[in-house]
Amino acid sequence: MIYTITISISVLIAINFLLLKFSCNKTTRKQKENKRPVVLSERITIVSEPQELAPTGS
């Protein structure tokens, strides 16, 4: 009984690994070239406005 369960699980695991091996997507994808220059030192300051809390009713 235990041998049957062990063999069945082993076969299912082996089939799973075979399916994983042969179902991988092997196509190569071309990366889009970024034509914009990279700016690393630009700083943006955002002035936050005070927020008023809405009444909750509790």
PDB file of N, CA and C in Angstrom:
ATOM      1  N   MET A   1       0.828  -1.195   0.000  1.00  0.00           N
ATOM      2  CA  MET A   1       0.000   0.000   0.000  1.00  0.00           C
ATOM      3  C   MET A   1       0.870   1.256   0.000  1.00  0.00           C
ATOM      4  N   ILE A   2       1.846   1.293   0.924  1.00  0.00           N
ATOM      5  CA  ILE A   2       2.725   2.462   1.006  1.00  0.00           C
ATOM      6  C   ILE A   2       3.613   2.554  -0.239  1.00  0.00           C
ATOM      7  N   TYR A   3       4.031   1.376  -0.742  1.00  0.00           N
ATOM      8  CA  TYR A   3       4.855   1.386  -1.953  1.00  0.00           C
ATOM      9  C   TYR A   3       4.067   1.924  -3.144  1.00  0.00           C
ATOM     10  N   THR A   4       2.815   1.585  -3.239  1.00  0.00           N
ATOM     11  CA  THR A   4       1.979   2.059  -4.339  1.00  0.00           C
ATOM     12  C   THR A   4       1.813   3.574  -4.281  1.00  0.00           C
ATOM     13  N   ILE A   5       1.571   4.093  -3.082  1.00  0.00           N
ATOM     14  CA  ILE A   5       1.421   5.543  -2.918  1.00  0.00           C
ATOM     15  C   ILE A   5       2.734   6.252  -3.238  1.00  0.00           C
ATOM     16  N   THR A   6       3.840   5.711  -2.753  1.00  0.00           N
ATOM     17  CA  THR A   6       5.154   6.313  -2.989  1.00  0.00           C
ATOM     18  C   THR A   6       5.493   6.323  -4.483  1.00  0.00           C
ATOM     19  N   ILE A   7       5.239   5.224  -5.152  1.00  0.00           N
ATOM     20  CA  ILE A   7       5.540   5.145  -6.587  1.00  0.00           C
ATOM     21  C   ILE A   7       4.626   6.088  -7.369  1.00  0.00           C
ATOM     22  N   SER A   8       3.366   6.158  -6.985  1.00  0.00           N
ATOM     23  CA  SER A   8       2.432   7.053  -7.681  1.00  0.00           C
ATOM     24  C   SER A   8       2.851   8.511  -7.535  1.00  0.00           C
ATOM     25  N   ILE A   9       3.206   8.914  -6.330  1.00  0.00           N
ATOM     26  CA  ILE A   9       3.643  10.295  -6.104  1.00  0.00           C
ATOM     27  C   ILE A   9       4.943  10.572  -6.841  1.00  0.00           C
ATOM     28  N   SER A  10       5.868   9.627  -6.856  1.00  0.00           N
ATOM     29  CA  SER A  10       7.131   9.812  -7.573  1.00  0.00           C
ATOM     30  C   SER A  10       6.900   9.973  -9.074  1.00  0.00           C
ATOM     31  N   VAL A  11       5.991   9.192  -9.630  1.00  0.00           N
ATOM     32  CA  VAL A  11       5.692   9.296 -11.059  1.00  0.00           C
ATOM     33  C   VAL A  11       5.054  10.644 -11.363  1.00  0.00           C
ATOM     34  N   LEU A  12       4.132  11.098 -10.520  1.00  0.00           N
ATOM     35  CA  LEU A  12       3.502  12.397 -10.732  1.00  0.00           C
ATOM     36  C   LEU A  12       4.519  13.533 -10.648  1.00  0.00           C
ATOM     37  N   ILE A  13       5.450  13.444  -9.718  1.00  0.00           N
ATOM     38  CA  ILE A  13       6.491  14.471  -9.603  1.00  0.00           C
ATOM     39  C   ILE A  13       7.395  14.459 -10.838  1.00  0.00           C
ATOM     40  N   ALA A  14       7.740  13.261 -11.321  1.00  0.00           N
ATOM     41  CA  ALA A  14       8.581  13.159 -12.518  1.00  0.00           C
ATOM     42  C   ALA A  14       7.865  13.748 -13.736  1.00  0.00           C
ATOM     43  N   ILE A  15       6.576  13.461 -13.869  1.00  0.00           N
ATOM     44  CA  ILE A  15       5.803  14.028 -14.985  1.00  0.00           C
ATOM     45  C   ILE A  15       5.744  15.542 -14.870  1.00  0.00           C
ATOM     46  N   ASN A  16       5.582  16.038 -13.641  1.00  0.00           N
ATOM     47  CA  ASN A  16       5.531  17.484 -13.420  1.00  0.00           C
ATOM     48  C   ASN A  16       6.841  18.151 -13.851  1.00  0.00           C
ATOM     49  N   PHE A  17       7.976  17.552 -13.502  1.00  0.00           N
ATOM     50  CA  PHE A  17       9.266  18.120 -13.896  1.00  0.00           C
ATOM     51  C   PHE A  17       9.467  18.054 -15.409  1.00  0.00           C
ATOM     52  N   LEU A  18       8.996  16.969 -16.045  1.00  0.00           N
ATOM     53  CA  LEU A  18       9.108  16.896 -17.500  1.00  0.00           C
ATOM     54  C   LEU A  18       8.264  17.963 -18.176  1.00  0.00           C
ATOM     55  N   LEU A  19       7.050  18.172 -17.679  1.00  0.00           N
ATOM     56  CA  LEU A  19       6.211  19.230 -18.238  1.00  0.00           C
ATOM     57  C   LEU A  19       6.830  20.601 -18.022  1.00  0.00           C
ATOM     58  N   LEU A  20       7.425  20.817 -16.869  1.00  0.00           N
ATOM     59  CA  LEU A  20       8.081  22.090 -16.591  1.00  0.00           C
ATOM     60  C   LEU A  20       9.267  22.306 -17.528  1.00  0.00           C
ATOM     61  N   LYS A  21      10.017  21.254 -17.790  1.00  0.00           N
ATOM     62  CA  LYS A  21      11.189  21.361 -18.654  1.00  0.00           C
ATOM     63  C   LYS A  21      10.800  21.713 -20.091  1.00  0.00           C
ATOM     64  N   PHE A  22       9.758  21.081 -20.617  1.00  0.00           N
ATOM     65  CA  PHE A  22       9.417  21.249 -22.024  1.00  0.00           C
ATOM     66  C   PHE A  22       8.417  22.373 -22.279  1.00  0.00           C
ATOM     67  N   SER A  23       7.869  22.977 -21.226  1.00  0.00           N
ATOM     68  CA  SER A  23       6.896  24.036 -21.456  1.00  0.00           C
ATOM     69  C   SER A  23       7.488  25.424 -21.244  1.00  0.00           C
ATOM     70  N   CYS A  24       8.781  25.526 -21.022  1.00  0.00           N
ATOM     71  CA  CYS A  24       9.394  26.836 -20.815  1.00  0.00           C
ATOM     72  C   CYS A  24       9.395  27.629 -22.116  1.00  0.00           C
ATOM     73  N   ASN A  25       9.155  28.929 -21.998  1.00  0.00           N
ATOM     74  CA  ASN A  25       9.138  29.814 -23.157  1.00  0.00           C
ATOM     75  C   ASN A  25      10.581  30.207 -23.467  1.00  0.00           C
ATOM     76  N   LYS A  26      11.068  29.791 -24.616  1.00  0.00           N
ATOM     77  CA  LYS A  26      12.473  30.026 -24.953  1.00  0.00           C
ATOM     78  C   LYS A  26      12.657  31.128 -25.991  1.00  0.00           C
ATOM     79  N   THR A  27      11.639  31.924 -26.232  1.00  0.00           N
ATOM     80  CA  THR A  27      11.777  32.998 -27.208  1.00  0.00           C
ATOM     81  C   THR A  27      12.533  34.161 -26.590  1.00  0.00           C
ATOM     82  N   THR A  28      13.314  34.819 -27.395  1.00  0.00           N
ATOM     83  CA  THR A  28      14.062  35.974 -26.910  1.00  0.00           C
ATOM     84  C   THR A  28      13.259  37.228 -27.195  1.00  0.00           C
ATOM     85  N   ARG A  29      13.292  38.148 -26.267  1.00  0.00           N
ATOM     86  CA  ARG A  29      12.576  39.407 -26.426  1.00  0.00           C
ATOM     87  C   ARG A  29      13.571  40.533 -26.600  1.00  0.00           C
ATOM     88  N   LYS A  30      13.259  41.416 -27.540  1.00  0.00           N
ATOM     89  CA  LYS A  30      14.114  42.571 -27.757  1.00  0.00           C
ATOM     90  C   LYS A  30      13.711  43.676 -26.795  1.00  0.00           C
ATOM     91  N   GLN A  31      14.706  44.256 -26.154  1.00  0.00           N
ATOM     92  CA  GLN A  31      14.417  45.358 -25.251  1.00  0.00           C
ATOM     93  C   GLN A  31      14.300  46.645 -26.058  1.00  0.00           C
ATOM     94  N   LYS A  32      13.360  47.483 -25.634  1.00  0.00           N
ATOM     95  CA  LYS A  32      13.192  48.760 -26.306  1.00  0.00           C
ATOM     96  C   LYS A  32      14.334  49.690 -25.898  1.00  0.00           C
ATOM     97  N   GLU A  33      14.871  50.366 -26.895  1.00  0.00           N
ATOM     98  CA  GLU A  33      15.944  51.301 -26.607  1.00  0.00           C
ATOM     99  C   GLU A  33      15.359  52.594 -26.064  1.00  0.00           C
ATOM    100  N   ASN A  34      15.925  53.051 -24.971  1.00  0.00           N
ATOM    101  CA  ASN A  34      15.473  54.298 -24.376  1.00  0.00           C
ATOM    102  C   ASN A  34      16.288  55.426 -24.982  1.00  0.00           C
ATOM    103  N   LYS A  35      15.652  56.285 -25.754  1.00  0.00           N
ATOM    104  CA  LYS A  35      16.370  57.338 -26.447  1.00  0.00           C
ATOM    105  C   LYS A  35      16.488  58.611 -25.620  1.00  0.00           C
ATOM    106  N   ARG A  36      15.828  58.678 -24.489  1.00  0.00           N
ATOM    107  CA  ARG A  36      15.920  59.862 -23.647  1.00  0.00           C
ATOM    108  C   ARG A  36      17.209  59.827 -22.828  1.00  0.00           C
ATOM    109  N   PRO A  37      17.801  60.980 -22.594  1.00  0.00           N
ATOM    110  CA  PRO A  37      18.978  60.997 -21.721  1.00  0.00           C
ATOM    111  C   PRO A  37      18.552  60.786 -20.262  1.00  0.00           C
ATOM    112  N   VAL A  38      19.399  60.146 -19.513  1.00  0.00           N
ATOM    113  CA  VAL A  38      19.104  59.870 -18.114  1.00  0.00           C
ATOM    114  C   VAL A  38      19.613  61.029 -17.274  1.00  0.00           C
ATOM    115  N   VAL A  39      18.719  61.644 -16.514  1.00  0.00           N
ATOM    116  CA  VAL A  39      19.082  62.755 -15.629  1.00  0.00           C
ATOM    117  C   VAL A  39      19.005  62.245 -14.204  1.00  0.00           C
ATOM    118  N   LEU A  40      20.140  62.231 -13.514  1.00  0.00           N
ATOM    119  CA  LEU A  40      20.169  61.670 -12.176  1.00  0.00           C
ATOM    120  C   LEU A  40      20.138  62.709 -11.074  1.00  0.00           C
ATOM    121  N   SER A  41      20.493  63.955 -11.352  1.00  0.00           N
ATOM    122  CA  SER A  41      20.637  64.934 -10.287  1.00  0.00           C
ATOM    123  C   SER A  41      19.491  65.941 -10.218  1.00  0.00           C
ATOM    124  N   GLU A  42      18.435  65.746 -10.972  1.00  0.00           N
ATOM    125  CA  GLU A  42      17.327  66.687 -10.958  1.00  0.00           C
ATOM    126  C   GLU A  42      16.502  66.483  -9.682  1.00  0.00           C
ATOM    127  N   ARG A  43      16.199  67.591  -9.000  1.00  0.00           N
ATOM    128  CA  ARG A  43      15.409  67.510  -7.775  1.00  0.00           C
ATOM    129  C   ARG A  43      14.090  68.234  -7.981  1.00  0.00           C
ATOM    130  N   ILE A  44      13.049  67.613  -7.509  1.00  0.00           N
ATOM    131  CA  ILE A  44      11.727  68.205  -7.616  1.00  0.00           C
ATOM    132  C   ILE A  44      11.206  68.413  -6.205  1.00  0.00           C
ATOM    133  N   THR A  45      10.829  69.663  -5.899  1.00  0.00           N
ATOM    134  CA  THR A  45      10.262  69.949  -4.584  1.00  0.00           C
ATOM    135  C   THR A  45       8.774  70.151  -4.726  1.00  0.00           C
ATOM    136  N   ILE A  46       8.040  69.488  -3.883  1.00  0.00           N
ATOM    137  CA  ILE A  46       6.591  69.579  -3.909  1.00  0.00           C
ATOM    138  C   ILE A  46       6.142  70.235  -2.614  1.00  0.00           C
ATOM    139  N   VAL A  47       5.415  71.311  -2.741  1.00  0.00           N
ATOM    140  CA  VAL A  47       4.900  72.006  -1.577  1.00  0.00           C
ATOM    141  C   VAL A  47       3.547  71.394  -1.245  1.00  0.00           C
ATOM    142  N   SER A  48       3.441  70.855  -0.041  1.00  0.00           N
ATOM    143  CA  SER A  48       2.184  70.218   0.323  1.00  0.00           C
ATOM    144  C   SER A  48       1.261  71.228   0.994  1.00  0.00           C
ATOM    145  N   GLU A  49       0.009  71.166   0.644  1.00  0.00           N
ATOM    146  CA  GLU A  49      -0.996  72.049   1.233  1.00  0.00           C
ATOM    147  C   GLU A  49      -1.590  71.374   2.470  1.00  0.00           C
ATOM    148  N   PRO A  50      -1.946  72.129   3.486  1.00  0.00           N
ATOM    149  CA  PRO A  50      -2.551  71.496   4.666  1.00  0.00           C
ATOM    150  C   PRO A  50      -3.895  70.877   4.304  1.00  0.00           C
ATOM    151  N   GLN A  51      -4.130  69.717   4.834  1.00  0.00           N
ATOM    152  CA  GLN A  51      -5.369  69.007   4.531  1.00  0.00           C
ATOM    153  C   GLN A  51      -6.345  69.150   5.698  1.00  0.00           C
ATOM    154  N   GLU A  52      -7.585  69.373   5.367  1.00  0.00           N
ATOM    155  CA  GLU A  52      -8.601  69.413   6.400  1.00  0.00           C
ATOM    156  C   GLU A  52      -9.274  68.051   6.455  1.00  0.00           C
ATOM    157  N   LEU A  53      -9.469  67.570   7.668  1.00  0.00           N
ATOM    158  CA  LEU A  53     -10.080  66.264   7.833  1.00  0.00           C
ATOM    159  C   LEU A  53     -11.603  66.373   7.728  1.00  0.00           C
ATOM    160  N   ALA A  54     -12.194  65.411   7.073  1.00  0.00           N
ATOM    161  CA  ALA A  54     -13.637  65.393   6.919  1.00  0.00           C
ATOM    162  C   ALA A  54     -14.277  64.818   8.176  1.00  0.00           C
ATOM    163  N   PRO A  55     -15.456  65.293   8.560  1.00  0.00           N
ATOM    164  CA  PRO A  55     -16.119  64.724   9.731  1.00  0.00           C
ATOM    165  C   PRO A  55     -16.552  63.284   9.457  1.00  0.00           C
ATOM    166  N   THR A  56     -16.330  62.435  10.422  1.00  0.00           N
ATOM    167  CA  THR A  56     -16.643  61.014  10.244  1.00  0.00           C
ATOM    168  C   THR A  56     -18.004  60.659  10.793  1.00  0.00           C
ATOM    169  N   GLY A  57     -18.556  61.445  11.688  1.00  0.00           N
ATOM    170  CA  GLY A  57     -19.865  61.170  12.223  1.00  0.00           C
ATOM    171  C   GLY A  57     -19.867  60.242  13.427  1.00  0.00           C
ATOM    172  N   SER A  58     -18.691  59.879  13.898  1.00  0.00           N
ATOM    173  CA  SER A  58     -18.689  58.994  15.065  1.00  0.00           C
ATOM    174  C   SER A  58     -18.237  59.725  16.308  1.00  0.00           C
TER     175      SER A  58
END
